[in-house]
Amino acid sequence: MLSSSTNIQVISEASILVAATSILVLVLISRIVGRSQKKLERQLSEKYRHIYRVKSLPSESSCILQADGASIKIGDYGWEAEPIRNDHLTYLHGLNDKWQVVWYAGFRPEEIEIIGPKPRSQYYAFPYWMNENIPPCPYPVGEFRSGKYLTTHFGFPQRIHRNWVQGKRLST
């Protein structure tokens, strides 16, 4: 018969083994998720590489998402983004100075003009803990160029998941 101290020692060793195995599994999952996130960021950055300027408001109202109180203005900059629908429009993110999406819209070619390549992709996420010292977005929407601070936004650019874009459900 095992003594009480032997039972405690066996339980203690088993607990250490379970804890170590759990930590190892979490580290492996984190690496796998991190690699797939980096791969996705790279794919989106390579595919959507340009900055545009709005020449006229988008004619397709069903392809516009705006944060409360936000509006698309002629002269706004837009960062090329993943399309909401397969409708041959060029989709753009209007970003604030903190890299958060203020509007997301699809434009016809005559409604926008290309400015040039992005100096940095909006899809490269800043670490979640980094809320200070983020370099400002070099091409924010117009409210920032005129000195008015726009506080409503959808958050950081996100991948489209089924019928959800920037946390809003699309009507089908």
Protein backbone atom coordinates (compact mmCIF):
# COMPACT_ATOMS: atom_id res chain seq x y z
CA MET A 1 0.00 0.00 0.00
CA LEU A 2 1.27 3.47 -0.95
CA SER A 3 1.79 5.99 1.77
CA SER A 4 0.05 9.34 1.82
CA SER A 5 3.27 11.23 0.97
CA THR A 6 3.88 8.92 -2.04
CA ASN A 7 0.35 9.64 -3.33
CA ILE A 8 0.92 13.37 -2.99
CA GLN A 9 4.27 13.08 -4.81
CA VAL A 10 2.69 11.12 -7.70
CA ILE A 11 -0.18 13.64 -7.97
CA SER A 12 2.30 16.50 -7.81
CA GLU A 13 4.46 15.02 -10.60
CA ALA A 14 1.35 14.38 -12.73
CA SER A 15 0.19 17.97 -12.19
CA ILE A 16 3.57 19.31 -13.30
CA LEU A 17 3.48 17.10 -16.40
CA VAL A 18 -0.06 18.24 -17.29
CA ALA A 19 0.88 21.91 -16.76
CA ALA A 20 4.01 21.59 -18.89
CA THR A 21 2.10 19.80 -21.65
CA SER A 22 -0.62 22.47 -21.58
CA ILE A 23 1.93 25.26 -21.89
CA LEU A 24 3.63 23.49 -24.77
CA VAL A 25 0.30 23.05 -26.59
CA LEU A 26 -0.54 26.75 -26.09
CA VAL A 27 2.87 27.81 -27.45
CA LEU A 28 2.43 25.59 -30.52
CA ILE A 29 -1.08 26.90 -31.19
CA SER A 30 0.15 30.48 -30.79
CA ARG A 31 2.93 29.90 -33.31
CA ILE A 32 0.57 28.30 -35.82
CA VAL A 33 -1.95 31.16 -35.48
CA GLY A 34 0.86 33.73 -35.66
CA ARG A 35 2.26 32.22 -38.84
CA SER A 36 -1.15 32.08 -40.52
CA GLN A 37 -1.84 35.70 -39.47
CA LYS A 38 1.51 36.83 -40.91
CA LYS A 39 0.80 34.92 -44.14
CA LEU A 40 -2.64 36.54 -44.42
CA GLU A 41 -1.20 40.02 -43.75
CA ARG A 42 1.43 39.43 -46.44
CA GLN A 43 -1.18 38.21 -48.99
CA LEU A 44 -3.49 41.19 -48.36
CA SER A 45 -0.56 43.62 -48.47
CA GLU A 46 0.70 42.25 -51.77
CA LYS A 47 -2.73 42.21 -53.39
CA TYR A 48 -4.02 45.63 -52.18
CA ARG A 49 -1.06 47.95 -52.60
CA HIS A 50 -2.30 51.44 -53.49
CA ILE A 51 -3.63 54.64 -52.01
CA TYR A 52 -6.35 56.54 -53.87
CA ARG A 53 -7.99 59.95 -53.65
CA VAL A 54 -11.78 60.26 -53.91
CA LYS A 55 -12.78 62.34 -56.97
CA SER A 56 -16.55 61.81 -56.61
CA LEU A 57 -18.77 60.05 -54.10
CA PRO A 58 -19.39 56.34 -54.70
CA SER A 59 -22.44 55.71 -56.88
CA GLU A 60 -23.16 52.28 -55.38
CA SER A 61 -24.78 53.05 -52.01
CA SER A 62 -25.08 49.35 -51.16
CA CYS A 63 -21.27 49.15 -51.09
CA ILE A 64 -20.71 51.80 -48.41
CA LEU A 65 -20.13 51.26 -44.69
CA GLN A 66 -19.61 54.34 -42.54
CA ALA A 67 -19.02 54.75 -38.83
CA ASP A 68 -21.69 56.80 -37.05
CA GLY A 69 -21.28 60.45 -37.96
CA ALA A 70 -18.64 59.77 -40.61
CA SER A 71 -18.97 60.65 -44.25
CA ILE A 72 -16.93 60.19 -47.40
CA LYS A 73 -15.74 63.49 -48.79
CA ILE A 74 -14.25 64.41 -52.14
CA GLY A 75 -10.50 64.64 -51.59
CA ASP A 76 -10.41 61.92 -48.90
CA TYR A 77 -7.66 59.36 -49.15
CA GLY A 78 -8.62 55.70 -49.38
CA TRP A 79 -6.43 52.66 -48.77
CA GLU A 80 -7.07 49.82 -51.23
CA ALA A 81 -8.83 47.00 -49.39
CA GLU A 82 -10.37 43.59 -49.79
CA PRO A 83 -13.67 43.79 -51.75
CA ILE A 84 -16.99 43.30 -49.96
CA ARG A 85 -18.54 41.77 -53.07
CA ASN A 86 -17.27 40.46 -56.39
CA ASP A 87 -18.65 43.43 -58.33
CA HIS A 88 -15.48 44.77 -60.01
CA LEU A 89 -15.40 47.90 -57.85
CA THR A 90 -12.25 49.13 -56.13
CA TYR A 91 -12.82 48.97 -52.38
CA LEU A 92 -11.11 51.43 -50.09
CA HIS A 93 -10.69 51.94 -46.35
CA GLY A 94 -10.90 55.53 -45.15
CA LEU A 95 -8.58 55.55 -42.12
CA ASN A 96 -8.17 57.96 -39.23
CA ASP A 97 -4.76 58.94 -37.87
CA LYS A 98 -4.80 55.91 -35.52
CA TRP A 99 -5.21 53.47 -38.46
CA GLN A 100 -8.86 52.77 -37.61
CA VAL A 101 -11.48 52.37 -40.34
CA VAL A 102 -13.85 55.35 -40.60
CA TRP A 103 -15.51 54.28 -43.85
CA TYR A 104 -15.31 51.34 -46.23
CA ALA A 105 -16.67 51.73 -49.75
CA GLY A 106 -16.58 50.44 -53.33
CA PHE A 107 -15.77 52.91 -56.11
CA ARG A 108 -15.94 52.86 -59.88
CA PRO A 109 -12.64 53.70 -61.64
CA GLU A 110 -13.81 57.20 -62.64
CA GLU A 111 -14.70 58.04 -59.00
CA ILE A 112 -11.12 57.73 -57.70
CA GLU A 113 -7.56 58.47 -58.73
CA ILE A 114 -4.47 56.55 -57.76
CA ILE A 115 -1.98 58.44 -55.59
CA GLY A 116 0.71 55.77 -55.40
CA PRO A 117 1.88 52.74 -53.45
CA LYS A 118 1.15 52.43 -49.75
CA PRO A 119 4.09 53.35 -47.51
CA ARG A 120 2.84 50.64 -45.13
CA SER A 121 -0.11 48.26 -45.33
CA GLN A 122 -3.07 48.90 -43.06
CA TYR A 123 -3.34 45.13 -42.67
CA TYR A 124 -0.12 44.87 -40.66
CA ALA A 125 -1.59 44.92 -37.19
CA PHE A 126 -0.02 46.86 -34.37
CA PRO A 127 0.39 44.84 -31.17
CA TYR A 128 -2.74 45.03 -29.00
CA TRP A 129 -0.76 46.55 -26.13
CA MET A 130 0.58 49.35 -28.30
CA ASN A 131 -1.94 52.15 -27.93
CA GLU A 132 0.64 54.90 -27.61
CA ASN A 133 3.58 55.59 -29.90
CA ILE A 134 1.75 54.24 -32.96
CA PRO A 135 3.02 56.23 -35.93
CA PRO A 136 0.12 58.24 -37.38
CA CYS A 137 -1.48 57.15 -40.61
CA PRO A 138 0.20 59.21 -43.35
CA TYR A 139 -2.98 59.47 -45.45
CA PRO A 140 -5.98 59.86 -43.10
CA VAL A 141 -9.47 60.95 -44.11
CA GLY A 142 -10.21 64.66 -44.53
CA GLU A 143 -11.40 65.43 -41.01
CA PHE A 144 -7.81 65.09 -39.83
CA ARG A 145 -6.30 67.31 -42.51
CA SER A 146 -8.64 70.14 -41.49
CA GLY A 147 -7.91 69.70 -37.77
CA LYS A 148 -11.26 68.22 -36.74
CA TYR A 149 -10.87 64.95 -34.83
CA LEU A 150 -13.25 62.20 -35.84
CA THR A 151 -13.77 59.75 -32.97
CA THR A 152 -16.18 57.24 -34.48
CA HIS A 153 -14.62 54.26 -36.21
CA PHE A 154 -15.00 50.52 -36.83
CA GLY A 155 -11.65 49.62 -35.30
CA PHE A 156 -8.59 48.32 -37.08
CA PRO A 157 -8.91 46.84 -40.58
CA GLN A 158 -10.30 43.34 -40.45
CA ARG A 159 -10.64 40.48 -42.86
CA ILE A 160 -14.10 39.86 -44.35
CA HIS A 161 -15.77 36.84 -42.75
CA ARG A 162 -18.79 35.55 -44.63
CA ASN A 163 -21.35 38.40 -44.40
CA TRP A 164 -19.51 40.36 -41.69
CA VAL A 165 -17.32 43.36 -42.49
CA GLN A 166 -15.70 45.50 -39.80
CA GLY A 167 -18.08 44.06 -37.21
CA LYS A 168 -21.23 44.87 -39.22
CA ARG A 169 -23.46 42.33 -40.91
CA LEU A 170 -24.05 42.97 -44.60
CA SER A 171 -27.53 42.70 -46.00
CA THR A 172 -27.62 40.05 -48.70
